[in-house]
Full PDB file with SEQRES, HELIX, SHEET, SSBOND, CRYST1, ORIGX, SCALE, CONECT and MASTER records, all heavy atoms in Angstrom:
SEQRES   1 A   37  ALA GLU ALA GLU ARG GLU ARG ARG ALA LYS VAL VAL HIS          
SEQRES   2 A   37  ALA GLU GLY GLU PHE GLU SER ALA ASP VAL LEU SER ASN          
SEQRES   3 A   37  ALA ALA GLU ILE LEU SER ARG THR PRO THR ALA                  
HELIX    1 AA1 GLU A    2  SER A   32  1                                  31    
CRYST1    1.000    1.000    1.000  90.00  90.00  90.00 P 1           1          
ORIGX1      1.000000  0.000000  0.000000        0.00000                         
ORIGX2      0.000000  1.000000  0.000000        0.00000                         
ORIGX3      0.000000  0.000000  1.000000        0.00000                         
SCALE1      1.000000  0.000000  0.000000        0.00000                         
SCALE2      0.000000  1.000000  0.000000        0.00000                         
SCALE3      0.000000  0.000000  1.000000        0.00000                         
ATOM      1  N   ALA A   1     -14.469 -20.815  11.353  1.00  0.00           N  
ATOM      2  CA  ALA A   1     -13.137 -20.358  11.746  1.00  0.00           C  
ATOM      3  C   ALA A   1     -12.247 -20.156  10.521  1.00  0.00           C  
ATOM      4  O   ALA A   1     -11.473 -19.185  10.446  1.00  0.00           O  
ATOM      5  CB  ALA A   1     -12.507 -21.368  12.707  1.00  0.00           C  
ATOM      6  N   GLU A   2     -12.352 -21.058   9.533  1.00  0.00           N  
ATOM      7  CA  GLU A   2     -11.555 -20.918   8.321  1.00  0.00           C  
ATOM      8  C   GLU A   2     -11.948 -19.668   7.545  1.00  0.00           C  
ATOM      9  O   GLU A   2     -11.082 -18.927   7.046  1.00  0.00           O  
ATOM     10  CB  GLU A   2     -11.727 -22.162   7.439  1.00  0.00           C  
ATOM     11  CG  GLU A   2     -10.874 -22.152   6.193  1.00  0.00           C  
ATOM     12  CD  GLU A   2     -11.045 -23.418   5.370  1.00  0.00           C  
ATOM     13  OE1 GLU A   2     -11.823 -24.300   5.807  1.00  0.00           O  
ATOM     14  OE2 GLU A   2     -10.404 -23.517   4.303  1.00  0.00           O  
ATOM     15  N   ALA A   3     -13.258 -19.423   7.443  1.00  0.00           N  
ATOM     16  CA  ALA A   3     -13.715 -18.220   6.748  1.00  0.00           C  
ATOM     17  C   ALA A   3     -13.254 -16.953   7.469  1.00  0.00           C  
ATOM     18  O   ALA A   3     -12.888 -15.960   6.834  1.00  0.00           O  
ATOM     19  CB  ALA A   3     -15.244 -18.237   6.640  1.00  0.00           C  
ATOM     20  N   GLU A   4     -13.268 -16.992   8.785  1.00  0.00           N  
ATOM     21  CA  GLU A   4     -12.809 -15.837   9.558  1.00  0.00           C  
ATOM     22  C   GLU A   4     -11.325 -15.582   9.330  1.00  0.00           C  
ATOM     23  O   GLU A   4     -10.891 -14.424   9.186  1.00  0.00           O  
ATOM     24  CB  GLU A   4     -13.095 -16.074  11.046  1.00  0.00           C  
ATOM     25  CG  GLU A   4     -12.653 -14.953  11.968  1.00  0.00           C  
ATOM     26  CD  GLU A   4     -13.397 -13.668  11.755  1.00  0.00           C  
ATOM     27  OE1 GLU A   4     -14.503 -13.706  11.152  1.00  0.00           O  
ATOM     28  OE2 GLU A   4     -12.888 -12.609  12.176  1.00  0.00           O  
ATOM     29  N   ARG A   5     -10.530 -16.648   9.279  1.00  0.00           N  
ATOM     30  CA  ARG A   5      -9.099 -16.479   9.017  1.00  0.00           C  
ATOM     31  C   ARG A   5      -8.856 -15.909   7.620  1.00  0.00           C  
ATOM     32  O   ARG A   5      -7.980 -15.051   7.432  1.00  0.00           O  
ATOM     33  CB  ARG A   5      -8.383 -17.818   9.190  1.00  0.00           C  
ATOM     34  CG  ARG A   5      -8.241 -18.261  10.646  1.00  0.00           C  
ATOM     35  CD  ARG A   5      -7.269 -19.404  10.767  1.00  0.00           C  
ATOM     36  NE  ARG A   5      -7.743 -20.598  10.098  1.00  0.00           N  
ATOM     37  CZ  ARG A   5      -8.480 -21.538  10.680  1.00  0.00           C  
ATOM     38  NH1 ARG A   5      -8.820 -21.411  11.956  1.00  0.00           N  
ATOM     39  NH2 ARG A   5      -8.871 -22.609  10.009  1.00  0.00           N  
ATOM     40  N   GLU A   6      -9.625 -16.383   6.622  1.00  0.00           N  
ATOM     41  CA  GLU A   6      -9.476 -15.855   5.273  1.00  0.00           C  
ATOM     42  C   GLU A   6      -9.866 -14.380   5.219  1.00  0.00           C  
ATOM     43  O   GLU A   6      -9.209 -13.576   4.538  1.00  0.00           O  
ATOM     44  CB  GLU A   6     -10.334 -16.665   4.299  1.00  0.00           C  
ATOM     45  CG  GLU A   6      -9.837 -18.089   4.077  1.00  0.00           C  
ATOM     46  CD  GLU A   6     -10.707 -18.853   3.114  1.00  0.00           C  
ATOM     47  OE1 GLU A   6     -11.730 -18.290   2.671  1.00  0.00           O  
ATOM     48  OE2 GLU A   6     -10.375 -20.014   2.796  1.00  0.00           O  
ATOM     49  N   ARG A   7     -10.923 -14.026   5.930  1.00  0.00           N  
ATOM     50  CA  ARG A   7     -11.338 -12.620   5.957  1.00  0.00           C  
ATOM     51  C   ARG A   7     -10.247 -11.738   6.553  1.00  0.00           C  
ATOM     52  O   ARG A   7      -9.929 -10.672   6.004  1.00  0.00           O  
ATOM     53  CB  ARG A   7     -12.624 -12.476   6.774  1.00  0.00           C  
ATOM     54  CG  ARG A   7     -13.183 -11.057   6.806  1.00  0.00           C  
ATOM     55  CD  ARG A   7     -14.326 -10.949   7.787  1.00  0.00           C  
ATOM     56  NE  ARG A   7     -13.859 -11.076   9.162  1.00  0.00           N  
ATOM     57  CZ  ARG A   7     -13.334 -10.061   9.860  1.00  0.00           C  
ATOM     58  NH1 ARG A   7     -13.194  -8.863   9.300  1.00  0.00           N  
ATOM     59  NH2 ARG A   7     -12.920 -10.244  11.090  1.00  0.00           N  
ATOM     60  N   ARG A   8      -9.656 -12.193   7.652  1.00  0.00           N  
ATOM     61  CA  ARG A   8      -8.587 -11.414   8.275  1.00  0.00           C  
ATOM     62  C   ARG A   8      -7.385 -11.301   7.349  1.00  0.00           C  
ATOM     63  O   ARG A   8      -6.737 -10.238   7.285  1.00  0.00           O  
ATOM     64  CB  ARG A   8      -8.185 -12.059   9.595  1.00  0.00           C  
ATOM     65  CG  ARG A   8      -9.268 -11.991  10.672  1.00  0.00           C  
ATOM     66  CD  ARG A   8      -8.793 -12.661  11.950  1.00  0.00           C  
ATOM     67  NE  ARG A   8      -9.839 -12.620  12.976  1.00  0.00           N  
ATOM     68  CZ  ARG A   8      -9.707 -13.174  14.179  1.00  0.00           C  
ATOM     69  NH1 ARG A   8      -8.579 -13.802  14.505  1.00  0.00           N  
ATOM     70  NH2 ARG A   8     -10.700 -13.107  15.048  1.00  0.00           N  
ATOM     71  N   ALA A   9      -7.063 -12.400   6.643  1.00  0.00           N  
ATOM     72  CA  ALA A   9      -5.919 -12.362   5.725  1.00  0.00           C  
ATOM     73  C   ALA A   9      -6.163 -11.346   4.608  1.00  0.00           C  
ATOM     74  O   ALA A   9      -5.244 -10.589   4.226  1.00  0.00           O  
ATOM     75  CB  ALA A   9      -5.667 -13.747   5.145  1.00  0.00           C  
ATOM     76  N   LYS A  10      -7.378 -11.313   4.068  1.00  0.00           N  
ATOM     77  CA  LYS A  10      -7.689 -10.362   3.004  1.00  0.00           C  
ATOM     78  C   LYS A  10      -7.643  -8.927   3.521  1.00  0.00           C  
ATOM     79  O   LYS A  10      -7.168  -8.025   2.814  1.00  0.00           O  
ATOM     80  CB  LYS A  10      -9.067 -10.674   2.416  1.00  0.00           C  
ATOM     81  CG  LYS A  10      -9.113 -11.976   1.623  1.00  0.00           C  
ATOM     82  CD  LYS A  10     -10.494 -12.233   1.069  1.00  0.00           C  
ATOM     83  CE  LYS A  10     -10.515 -13.538   0.269  1.00  0.00           C  
ATOM     84  NZ  LYS A  10     -11.881 -13.823  -0.269  1.00  0.00           N  
ATOM     85  N   VAL A  11      -8.129  -8.726   4.737  1.00  0.00           N  
ATOM     86  CA  VAL A  11      -8.093  -7.380   5.312  1.00  0.00           C  
ATOM     87  C   VAL A  11      -6.654  -6.921   5.508  1.00  0.00           C  
ATOM     88  O   VAL A  11      -6.296  -5.782   5.183  1.00  0.00           O  
ATOM     89  CB  VAL A  11      -8.868  -7.353   6.645  1.00  0.00           C  
ATOM     90  CG1 VAL A  11      -8.635  -6.037   7.387  1.00  0.00           C  
ATOM     91  CG2 VAL A  11     -10.355  -7.551   6.405  1.00  0.00           C  
ATOM     92  N   VAL A  12      -5.807  -7.824   6.026  1.00  0.00           N  
ATOM     93  CA  VAL A  12      -4.401  -7.469   6.227  1.00  0.00           C  
ATOM     94  C   VAL A  12      -3.720  -7.179   4.897  1.00  0.00           C  
ATOM     95  O   VAL A  12      -2.942  -6.220   4.761  1.00  0.00           O  
ATOM     96  CB  VAL A  12      -3.677  -8.608   6.978  1.00  0.00           C  
ATOM     97  CG1 VAL A  12      -2.182  -8.350   7.027  1.00  0.00           C  
ATOM     98  CG2 VAL A  12      -4.235  -8.741   8.394  1.00  0.00           C  
ATOM     99  N   HIS A  13      -4.024  -7.999   3.880  1.00  0.00           N  
ATOM    100  CA  HIS A  13      -3.429  -7.779   2.559  1.00  0.00           C  
ATOM    101  C   HIS A  13      -3.878  -6.435   1.984  1.00  0.00           C  
ATOM    102  O   HIS A  13      -3.058  -5.684   1.413  1.00  0.00           O  
ATOM    103  CB  HIS A  13      -3.828  -8.913   1.623  1.00  0.00           C  
ATOM    104  CG  HIS A  13      -3.272  -8.780   0.240  1.00  0.00           C  
ATOM    105  ND1 HIS A  13      -1.937  -8.957  -0.054  1.00  0.00           N  
ATOM    106  CD2 HIS A  13      -3.886  -8.478  -0.947  1.00  0.00           C  
ATOM    107  CE1 HIS A  13      -1.736  -8.772  -1.337  1.00  0.00           C  
ATOM    108  NE2 HIS A  13      -2.902  -8.478  -1.900  1.00  0.00           N  
ATOM    109  N   ALA A  14      -5.169  -6.119   2.111  1.00  0.00           N  
ATOM    110  CA  ALA A  14      -5.678  -4.846   1.605  1.00  0.00           C  
ATOM    111  C   ALA A  14      -5.055  -3.659   2.336  1.00  0.00           C  
ATOM    112  O   ALA A  14      -4.719  -2.637   1.710  1.00  0.00           O  
ATOM    113  CB  ALA A  14      -7.199  -4.807   1.734  1.00  0.00           C  
ATOM    114  N   GLU A  15      -4.913  -3.784   3.640  1.00  0.00           N  
ATOM    115  CA  GLU A  15      -4.273  -2.714   4.400  1.00  0.00           C  
ATOM    116  C   GLU A  15      -2.826  -2.522   3.959  1.00  0.00           C  
ATOM    117  O   GLU A  15      -2.338  -1.385   3.860  1.00  0.00           O  
ATOM    118  CB  GLU A  15      -4.335  -3.028   5.891  1.00  0.00           C  
ATOM    119  CG  GLU A  15      -5.738  -2.952   6.477  1.00  0.00           C  
ATOM    120  CD  GLU A  15      -5.771  -3.333   7.946  1.00  0.00           C  
ATOM    121  OE1 GLU A  15      -4.731  -3.831   8.457  1.00  0.00           O  
ATOM    122  OE2 GLU A  15      -6.817  -3.145   8.593  1.00  0.00           O  
ATOM    123  N   GLY A  16      -2.123  -3.630   3.688  1.00  0.00           N  
ATOM    124  CA  GLY A  16      -0.753  -3.523   3.195  1.00  0.00           C  
ATOM    125  C   GLY A  16      -0.683  -2.835   1.839  1.00  0.00           C  
ATOM    126  O   GLY A  16       0.195  -1.994   1.597  1.00  0.00           O  
ATOM    127  N   GLU A  17      -1.619  -3.187   0.919  1.00  0.00           N  
ATOM    128  CA  GLU A  17      -1.657  -2.538  -0.387  1.00  0.00           C  
ATOM    129  C   GLU A  17      -1.943  -1.044  -0.258  1.00  0.00           C  
ATOM    130  O   GLU A  17      -1.364  -0.210  -0.963  1.00  0.00           O  
ATOM    131  CB  GLU A  17      -2.740  -3.197  -1.256  1.00  0.00           C  
ATOM    132  CG  GLU A  17      -2.421  -4.625  -1.674  1.00  0.00           C  
ATOM    133  CD  GLU A  17      -1.281  -4.679  -2.675  1.00  0.00           C  
ATOM    134  OE1 GLU A  17      -1.022  -3.658  -3.344  1.00  0.00           O  
ATOM    135  OE2 GLU A  17      -0.628  -5.740  -2.772  1.00  0.00           O  
ATOM    136  N   PHE A  18      -2.856  -0.702   0.673  1.00  0.00           N  
ATOM    137  CA  PHE A  18      -3.187   0.708   0.881  1.00  0.00           C  
ATOM    138  C   PHE A  18      -1.978   1.492   1.389  1.00  0.00           C  
ATOM    139  O   PHE A  18      -1.666   2.578   0.883  1.00  0.00           O  
ATOM    140  CB  PHE A  18      -4.345   0.809   1.872  1.00  0.00           C  
ATOM    141  CG  PHE A  18      -4.728   2.221   2.203  1.00  0.00           C  
ATOM    142  CD1 PHE A  18      -5.507   2.973   1.344  1.00  0.00           C  
ATOM    143  CD2 PHE A  18      -4.296   2.809   3.389  1.00  0.00           C  
ATOM    144  CE1 PHE A  18      -5.857   4.280   1.648  1.00  0.00           C  
ATOM    145  CE2 PHE A  18      -4.641   4.111   3.708  1.00  0.00           C  
ATOM    146  CZ  PHE A  18      -5.420   4.849   2.826  1.00  0.00           C  
ATOM    147  N   GLU A  19      -1.281   0.932   2.354  1.00  0.00           N  
ATOM    148  CA  GLU A  19      -0.093   1.616   2.871  1.00  0.00           C  
ATOM    149  C   GLU A  19       0.996   1.719   1.807  1.00  0.00           C  
ATOM    150  O   GLU A  19       1.671   2.747   1.693  1.00  0.00           O  
ATOM    151  CB  GLU A  19       0.431   0.870   4.101  1.00  0.00           C  
ATOM    152  CG  GLU A  19      -0.521   0.918   5.299  1.00  0.00           C  
ATOM    153  CD  GLU A  19       0.010   0.132   6.491  1.00  0.00           C  
ATOM    154  OE1 GLU A  19       1.117  -0.439   6.371  1.00  0.00           O  
ATOM    155  OE2 GLU A  19      -0.679   0.099   7.536  1.00  0.00           O  
ATOM    156  N   SER A  20       1.150   0.636   1.020  1.00  0.00           N  
ATOM    157  CA  SER A  20       2.156   0.659  -0.043  1.00  0.00           C  
ATOM    158  C   SER A  20       1.830   1.719  -1.085  1.00  0.00           C  
ATOM    159  O   SER A  20       2.709   2.468  -1.542  1.00  0.00           O  
ATOM    160  CB  SER A  20       2.244  -0.714  -0.698  1.00  0.00           C  
ATOM    161  OG  SER A  20       3.144  -0.700  -1.784  1.00  0.00           O  
ATOM    162  N   ALA A  21       0.547   1.809  -1.469  1.00  0.00           N  
ATOM    163  CA  ALA A  21       0.140   2.816  -2.456  1.00  0.00           C  
ATOM    164  C   ALA A  21       0.349   4.222  -1.918  1.00  0.00           C  
ATOM    165  O   ALA A  21       0.768   5.132  -2.656  1.00  0.00           O  
ATOM    166  CB  ALA A  21      -1.321   2.603  -2.833  1.00  0.00           C  
ATOM    167  N   ASP A  22       0.080   4.412  -0.650  1.00  0.00           N  
ATOM    168  CA  ASP A  22       0.266   5.726  -0.039  1.00  0.00           C  
ATOM    169  C   ASP A  22       1.742   6.126  -0.061  1.00  0.00           C  
ATOM    170  O   ASP A  22       2.100   7.268  -0.392  1.00  0.00           O  
ATOM    171  CB  ASP A  22      -0.265   5.699   1.386  1.00  0.00           C  
ATOM    172  CG  ASP A  22      -0.255   7.080   2.018  1.00  0.00           C  
ATOM    173  OD1 ASP A  22      -0.491   8.067   1.293  1.00  0.00           O  
ATOM    174  OD2 ASP A  22      -0.013   7.179   3.240  1.00  0.00           O  
ATOM    175  N   VAL A  23       2.615   5.168   0.293  1.00  0.00           N  
ATOM    176  CA  VAL A  23       4.051   5.465   0.295  1.00  0.00           C  
ATOM    177  C   VAL A  23       4.547   5.731  -1.125  1.00  0.00           C  
ATOM    178  O   VAL A  23       5.339   6.662  -1.370  1.00  0.00           O  
ATOM    179  CB  VAL A  23       4.828   4.307   0.940  1.00  0.00           C  
ATOM    180  CG1 VAL A  23       6.329   4.505   0.787  1.00  0.00           C  
ATOM    181  CG2 VAL A  23       4.460   4.175   2.410  1.00  0.00           C  
ATOM    182  N   LEU A  24       4.102   4.926  -2.096  1.00  0.00           N  
ATOM    183  CA  LEU A  24       4.519   5.135  -3.483  1.00  0.00           C  
ATOM    184  C   LEU A  24       4.041   6.475  -4.011  1.00  0.00           C  
ATOM    185  O   LEU A  24       4.745   7.153  -4.779  1.00  0.00           O  
ATOM    186  CB  LEU A  24       3.984   3.996  -4.360  1.00  0.00           C  
ATOM    187  CG  LEU A  24       4.651   2.626  -4.171  1.00  0.00           C  
ATOM    188  CD1 LEU A  24       3.940   1.574  -5.019  1.00  0.00           C  
ATOM    189  CD2 LEU A  24       6.126   2.689  -4.540  1.00  0.00           C  
ATOM    190  N   SER A  25       2.823   6.842  -3.614  1.00  0.00           N  
ATOM    191  CA  SER A  25       2.304   8.149  -4.043  1.00  0.00           C  
ATOM    192  C   SER A  25       3.164   9.286  -3.512  1.00  0.00           C  
ATOM    193  O   SER A  25       3.494  10.232  -4.242  1.00  0.00           O  
ATOM    194  CB  SER A  25       0.857   8.300  -3.566  1.00  0.00           C  
ATOM    195  OG  SER A  25       0.359   9.578  -3.890  1.00  0.00           O  
ATOM    196  N   ASN A  26       3.554   9.181  -2.246  1.00  0.00           N  
ATOM    197  CA  ASN A  26       4.426  10.215  -1.672  1.00  0.00           C  
ATOM    198  C   ASN A  26       5.791  10.234  -2.350  1.00  0.00           C  
ATOM    199  O   ASN A  26       6.361  11.304  -2.608  1.00  0.00           O  
ATOM    200  CB  ASN A  26       4.594   9.977  -0.172  1.00  0.00           C  
ATOM    201  CG  ASN A  26       3.302  10.159   0.592  1.00  0.00           C  
ATOM    202  OD1 ASN A  26       2.414  10.899   0.151  1.00  0.00           O  
ATOM    203  ND2 ASN A  26       3.177   9.489   1.740  1.00  0.00           N  
ATOM    204  N   ALA A  27       6.310   9.024  -2.627  1.00  0.00           N  
ATOM    205  CA  ALA A  27       7.604   8.953  -3.299  1.00  0.00           C  
ATOM    206  C   ALA A  27       7.545   9.560  -4.701  1.00  0.00           C  
ATOM    207  O   ALA A  27       8.457  10.287  -5.138  1.00  0.00           O  
ATOM    208  CB  ALA A  27       8.079   7.514  -3.364  1.00  0.00           C  
ATOM    209  N   ALA A  28       6.456   9.263  -5.436  1.00  0.00           N  
ATOM    210  CA  ALA A  28       6.308   9.821  -6.786  1.00  0.00           C  
ATOM    211  C   ALA A  28       6.198  11.337  -6.744  1.00  0.00           C  
ATOM    212  O   ALA A  28       6.752  12.038  -7.610  1.00  0.00           O  
ATOM    213  CB  ALA A  28       5.073   9.219  -7.456  1.00  0.00           C  
ATOM    214  N   GLU A  29       5.505  11.836  -5.747  1.00  0.00           N  
ATOM    215  CA  GLU A  29       5.371  13.284  -5.615  1.00  0.00           C  
ATOM    216  C   GLU A  29       6.727  13.942  -5.348  1.00  0.00           C  
ATOM    217  O   GLU A  29       7.053  15.002  -5.898  1.00  0.00           O  
ATOM    218  CB  GLU A  29       4.396  13.607  -4.488  1.00  0.00           C  
ATOM    219  CG  GLU A  29       4.149  15.102  -4.303  1.00  0.00           C  
ATOM    220  CD  GLU A  29       3.165  15.381  -3.180  1.00  0.00           C  
ATOM    221  OE1 GLU A  29       2.642  14.401  -2.596  1.00  0.00           O  
ATOM    222  OE2 GLU A  29       2.940  16.568  -2.888  1.00  0.00           O  
ATOM    223  N   ILE A  30       7.537  13.303  -4.515  1.00  0.00           N  
ATOM    224  CA  ILE A  30       8.868  13.848  -4.217  1.00  0.00           C  
ATOM    225  C   ILE A  30       9.770  13.787  -5.441  1.00  0.00           C  
ATOM    226  O   ILE A  30      10.495  14.734  -5.768  1.00  0.00           O  
ATOM    227  CB  ILE A  30       9.490  13.093  -3.031  1.00  0.00           C  
ATOM    228  CG1 ILE A  30       8.671  13.333  -1.750  1.00  0.00           C  
ATOM    229  CG2 ILE A  30      10.943  13.522  -2.818  1.00  0.00           C  
ATOM    230  CD1 ILE A  30       9.114  12.506  -0.578  1.00  0.00           C  
ATOM    231  N   LEU A  31       9.715  12.639  -6.172  1.00  0.00           N  
ATOM    232  CA  LEU A  31      10.559  12.497  -7.351  1.00  0.00           C  
ATOM    233  C   LEU A  31      10.166  13.463  -8.464  1.00  0.00           C  
ATOM    234  O   LEU A  31      11.009  13.915  -9.247  1.00  0.00           O  
ATOM    235  CB  LEU A  31      10.494  11.059  -7.864  1.00  0.00           C  
ATOM    236  CG  LEU A  31      11.151   9.986  -6.986  1.00  0.00           C  
ATOM    237  CD1 LEU A  31      10.876   8.600  -7.549  1.00  0.00           C  
ATOM    238  CD2 LEU A  31      12.654  10.219  -6.880  1.00  0.00           C  
ATOM    239  N   SER A  32       8.845  13.747  -8.548  1.00  0.00           N  
ATOM    240  CA  SER A  32       8.389  14.630  -9.616  1.00  0.00           C  
ATOM    241  C   SER A  32       8.884  16.060  -9.459  1.00  0.00           C  
ATOM    242  O   SER A  32       8.877  16.831 -10.429  1.00  0.00           O  
ATOM    243  CB  SER A  32       6.856  14.617  -9.674  1.00  0.00           C  
ATOM    244  OG  SER A  32       6.312  15.160  -8.472  1.00  0.00           O  
ATOM    245  N   ARG A  33       9.302  16.422  -8.276  1.00  0.00           N  
ATOM    246  CA  ARG A  33       9.792  17.785  -8.062  1.00  0.00           C  
ATOM    247  C   ARG A  33      11.163  18.002  -8.693  1.00  0.00           C  
ATOM    248  O   ARG A  33      11.524  19.134  -9.016  1.00  0.00           O  
ATOM    249  CB  ARG A  33       9.878  18.068  -6.558  1.00  0.00           C  
ATOM    250  CG  ARG A  33       8.531  17.998  -5.851  1.00  0.00           C  
ATOM    251  CD  ARG A  33       8.729  18.125  -4.348  1.00  0.00           C  
ATOM    252  NE  ARG A  33       7.453  17.915  -3.640  1.00  0.00           N  
ATOM    253  CZ  ARG A  33       7.365  17.801  -2.309  1.00  0.00           C  
ATOM    254  NH1 ARG A  33       8.466  17.898  -1.567  1.00  0.00           N  
ATOM    255  NH2 ARG A  33       6.183  17.605  -1.761  1.00  0.00           N  
ATOM    256  N   THR A  34      11.946  16.936  -8.874  1.00  0.00           N  
ATOM    257  CA  THR A  34      13.297  17.034  -9.418  1.00  0.00           C  
ATOM    258  C   THR A  34      13.443  16.041 -10.560  1.00  0.00           C  
ATOM    259  O   THR A  34      13.483  14.819 -10.317  1.00  0.00           O  
ATOM    260  CB  THR A  34      14.353  16.748  -8.344  1.00  0.00           C  
ATOM    261  OG1 THR A  34      14.101  17.574  -7.210  1.00  0.00           O  
ATOM    262  CG2 THR A  34      15.752  17.014  -8.866  1.00  0.00           C  
ATOM    263  N   PRO A  35      13.512  16.482 -11.795  1.00  0.00           N  
ATOM    264  CA  PRO A  35      13.652  15.544 -12.934  1.00  0.00           C  
ATOM    265  C   PRO A  35      14.900  14.691 -12.837  1.00  0.00           C  
ATOM    266  O   PRO A  35      14.898  13.530 -13.258  1.00  0.00           O  
ATOM    267  CB  PRO A  35      13.685  16.486 -14.142  1.00  0.00           C  
ATOM    268  CG  PRO A  35      12.994  17.727 -13.690  1.00  0.00           C  
ATOM    269  CD  PRO A  35      13.326  17.875 -12.231  1.00  0.00           C  
ATOM    270  N   THR A  36      15.970  15.278 -12.315  1.00  0.00           N  
ATOM    271  CA  THR A  36      17.211  14.496 -12.207  1.00  0.00           C  
ATOM    272  C   THR A  36      17.027  13.291 -11.299  1.00  0.00           C  
ATOM    273  O   THR A  36      17.586  12.208 -11.540  1.00  0.00           O  
ATOM    274  CB  THR A  36      18.336  15.384 -11.660  1.00  0.00           C  
ATOM    275  OG1 THR A  36      18.455  16.555 -12.468  1.00  0.00           O  
ATOM    276  CG2 THR A  36      19.654  14.627 -11.645  1.00  0.00           C  
ATOM    277  N   ALA A  37      16.223  13.419 -10.245  1.00  0.00           N  
ATOM    278  CA  ALA A  37      15.977  12.293  -9.342  1.00  0.00           C  
ATOM    279  C   ALA A  37      15.274  11.160 -10.064  1.00  0.00           C  
ATOM    280  O   ALA A  37      15.550   9.976  -9.826  1.00  0.00           O  
ATOM    281  CB  ALA A  37      15.148  12.763  -8.146  1.00  0.00           C  
TER     282      ALA A  37                                                      
MASTER        0    0    0    1    0    0    0    6  281    1    0    3          
END                                                                             
């Protein structure tokens, strides 16, 4: 049960990192269109 909980925690953390990277990538793409931004 402890190993299963750790596995789920790592999966949730990885999913959060993936979503964060996706959002940052979109933000960087938007900012790159306007140097002033």
